[in-house]
């Protein structure tokens, strides 16, 4: 039971999708500035890829949790109709 609390606490510390999108927007904005060095560009690109991966994992997690009612009134996973 303590493990569940720890896992839930760790998830609560993770940025939301909206926060990740805002950070991605800031990264893109910084990459578009003229004074960014090549090294900074590579570092920003790496940060952006990590943010995109975090977003994809969060979206995948939500999709797996989504349920819909089928014609018989039973719950099934989204997209299995």
C-alpha atoms as a PDB file:
ATOM      1  CA  UNK A   1       0.000   0.000   0.000  1.00  0.00           C
ATOM      2  CA  UNK A   2       2.887   2.326   0.728  1.00  0.00           C
ATOM      3  CA  UNK A   3       4.239   1.664  -2.775  1.00  0.00           C
ATOM      4  CA  UNK A   4       0.934   2.855  -4.259  1.00  0.00           C
ATOM      5  CA  UNK A   5       1.226   6.093  -2.294  1.00  0.00           C
ATOM      6  CA  UNK A   6       4.782   6.587  -3.499  1.00  0.00           C
ATOM      7  CA  UNK A   7       3.821   5.914  -7.115  1.00  0.00           C
ATOM      8  CA  UNK A   8       0.890   8.298  -6.839  1.00  0.00           C
ATOM      9  CA  UNK A   9       3.105  10.925  -5.261  1.00  0.00           C
ATOM     10  CA  UNK A  10       5.681  10.629  -8.008  1.00  0.00           C
ATOM     11  CA  UNK A  11       2.967  11.018 -10.638  1.00  0.00           C
ATOM     12  CA  UNK A  12       1.678  14.134  -8.883  1.00  0.00           C
ATOM     13  CA  UNK A  13       5.174  15.665  -9.154  1.00  0.00           C
ATOM     14  CA  UNK A  14       5.232  15.186 -12.933  1.00  0.00           C
ATOM     15  CA  UNK A  15       4.238  18.184 -15.055  1.00  0.00           C
ATOM     16  CA  UNK A  16       0.798  18.102 -16.648  1.00  0.00           C
ATOM     17  CA  UNK A  17       0.330  17.881 -20.398  1.00  0.00           C
ATOM     18  CA  UNK A  18      -0.418  21.586 -20.481  1.00  0.00           C
ATOM     19  CA  UNK A  19       2.782  22.386 -18.595  1.00  0.00           C
ATOM     20  CA  UNK A  20       4.795  20.173 -20.949  1.00  0.00           C
ATOM     21  CA  UNK A  21       3.222  21.880 -23.970  1.00  0.00           C
ATOM     22  CA  UNK A  22       4.090  25.316 -22.546  1.00  0.00           C
ATOM     23  CA  UNK A  23       7.668  24.204 -21.969  1.00  0.00           C
ATOM     24  CA  UNK A  24       7.850  22.813 -25.511  1.00  0.00           C
ATOM     25  CA  UNK A  25       6.583  26.125 -26.840  1.00  0.00           C
ATOM     26  CA  UNK A  26       9.287  27.957 -24.880  1.00  0.00           C
ATOM     27  CA  UNK A  27      11.951  25.553 -26.183  1.00  0.00           C
ATOM     28  CA  UNK A  28      10.809  26.109 -29.764  1.00  0.00           C
ATOM     29  CA  UNK A  29      10.808  29.865 -29.234  1.00  0.00           C
ATOM     30  CA  UNK A  30      14.334  29.768 -27.866  1.00  0.00           C
ATOM     31  CA  UNK A  31      15.544  27.598 -30.759  1.00  0.00           C
ATOM     32  CA  UNK A  32      14.200  30.164 -33.221  1.00  0.00           C
ATOM     33  CA  UNK A  33      16.244  32.990 -31.740  1.00  0.00           C
ATOM     34  CA  UNK A  34      19.221  34.132 -33.816  1.00  0.00           C
ATOM     35  CA  UNK A  35      21.733  34.119 -30.951  1.00  0.00           C
ATOM     36  CA  UNK A  36      21.374  30.403 -30.119  1.00  0.00           C
ATOM     37  CA  UNK A  37      24.619  28.516 -30.535  1.00  0.00           C
ATOM     38  CA  UNK A  38      24.785  25.118 -32.185  1.00  0.00           C
ATOM     39  CA  UNK A  39      25.537  23.499 -28.822  1.00  0.00           C
ATOM     40  CA  UNK A  40      22.510  25.212 -27.258  1.00  0.00           C
ATOM     41  CA  UNK A  41      20.383  24.064 -30.195  1.00  0.00           C
ATOM     42  CA  UNK A  42      21.393  20.454 -29.595  1.00  0.00           C
ATOM     43  CA  UNK A  43      20.639  20.754 -25.873  1.00  0.00           C
ATOM     44  CA  UNK A  44      17.266  22.385 -26.566  1.00  0.00           C
ATOM     45  CA  UNK A  45      16.457  19.701 -29.133  1.00  0.00           C
ATOM     46  CA  UNK A  46      17.229  16.994 -26.565  1.00  0.00           C
ATOM     47  CA  UNK A  47      14.995  18.714 -23.983  1.00  0.00           C
ATOM     48  CA  UNK A  48      12.213  18.976 -26.544  1.00  0.00           C
ATOM     49  CA  UNK A  49      12.431  15.285 -27.437  1.00  0.00           C
ATOM     50  CA  UNK A  50      12.234  14.346 -23.744  1.00  0.00           C
ATOM     51  CA  UNK A  51       9.148  16.574 -23.317  1.00  0.00           C
ATOM     52  CA  UNK A  52       7.516  15.047 -26.396  1.00  0.00           C
ATOM     53  CA  UNK A  53       8.177  11.548 -25.066  1.00  0.00           C
ATOM     54  CA  UNK A  54       6.652  12.475 -21.687  1.00  0.00           C
ATOM     55  CA  UNK A  55       3.575  13.864 -23.466  1.00  0.00           C
ATOM     56  CA  UNK A  56       3.206  10.723 -25.578  1.00  0.00           C
ATOM     57  CA  UNK A  57       3.486   8.479 -22.513  1.00  0.00           C
ATOM     58  CA  UNK A  58       0.867  10.521 -20.669  1.00  0.00           C
ATOM     59  CA  UNK A  59      -1.496  10.435 -23.672  1.00  0.00           C
ATOM     60  CA  UNK A  60      -0.973   6.669 -24.070  1.00  0.00           C
ATOM     61  CA  UNK A  61      -1.766   6.175 -20.389  1.00  0.00           C
ATOM     62  CA  UNK A  62      -5.022   8.131 -20.699  1.00  0.00           C
ATOM     63  CA  UNK A  63      -6.031   6.241 -23.854  1.00  0.00           C
ATOM     64  CA  UNK A  64      -5.557   2.922 -22.062  1.00  0.00           C
ATOM     65  CA  UNK A  65      -7.847   4.092 -19.250  1.00  0.00           C
ATOM     66  CA  UNK A  66     -10.638   5.325 -21.504  1.00  0.00           C
ATOM     67  CA  UNK A  67     -13.684   3.111 -21.605  1.00  0.00           C
ATOM     68  CA  UNK A  68     -16.841   3.280 -23.701  1.00  0.00           C
ATOM     69  CA  UNK A  69     -20.213   1.599 -23.475  1.00  0.00           C
ATOM     70  CA  UNK A  70     -20.943  -0.801 -26.316  1.00  0.00           C
ATOM     71  CA  UNK A  71     -24.407  -1.481 -27.737  1.00  0.00           C
ATOM     72  CA  UNK A  72     -25.100  -4.086 -25.025  1.00  0.00           C
ATOM     73  CA  UNK A  73     -24.339  -1.566 -22.274  1.00  0.00           C
ATOM     74  CA  UNK A  74     -21.025  -3.199 -21.345  1.00  0.00           C
ATOM     75  CA  UNK A  75     -17.776  -1.348 -20.810  1.00  0.00           C
ATOM     76  CA  UNK A  76     -14.923  -1.985 -23.213  1.00  0.00           C
ATOM     77  CA  UNK A  77     -11.642  -0.301 -23.973  1.00  0.00           C
ATOM     78  CA  UNK A  78     -11.824   2.682 -26.303  1.00  0.00           C
ATOM     79  CA  UNK A  79     -11.258   1.708 -29.942  1.00  0.00           C
ATOM     80  CA  UNK A  80     -12.220  -1.972 -29.573  1.00  0.00           C
ATOM     81  CA  UNK A  81     -15.706  -1.586 -31.074  1.00  0.00           C
END
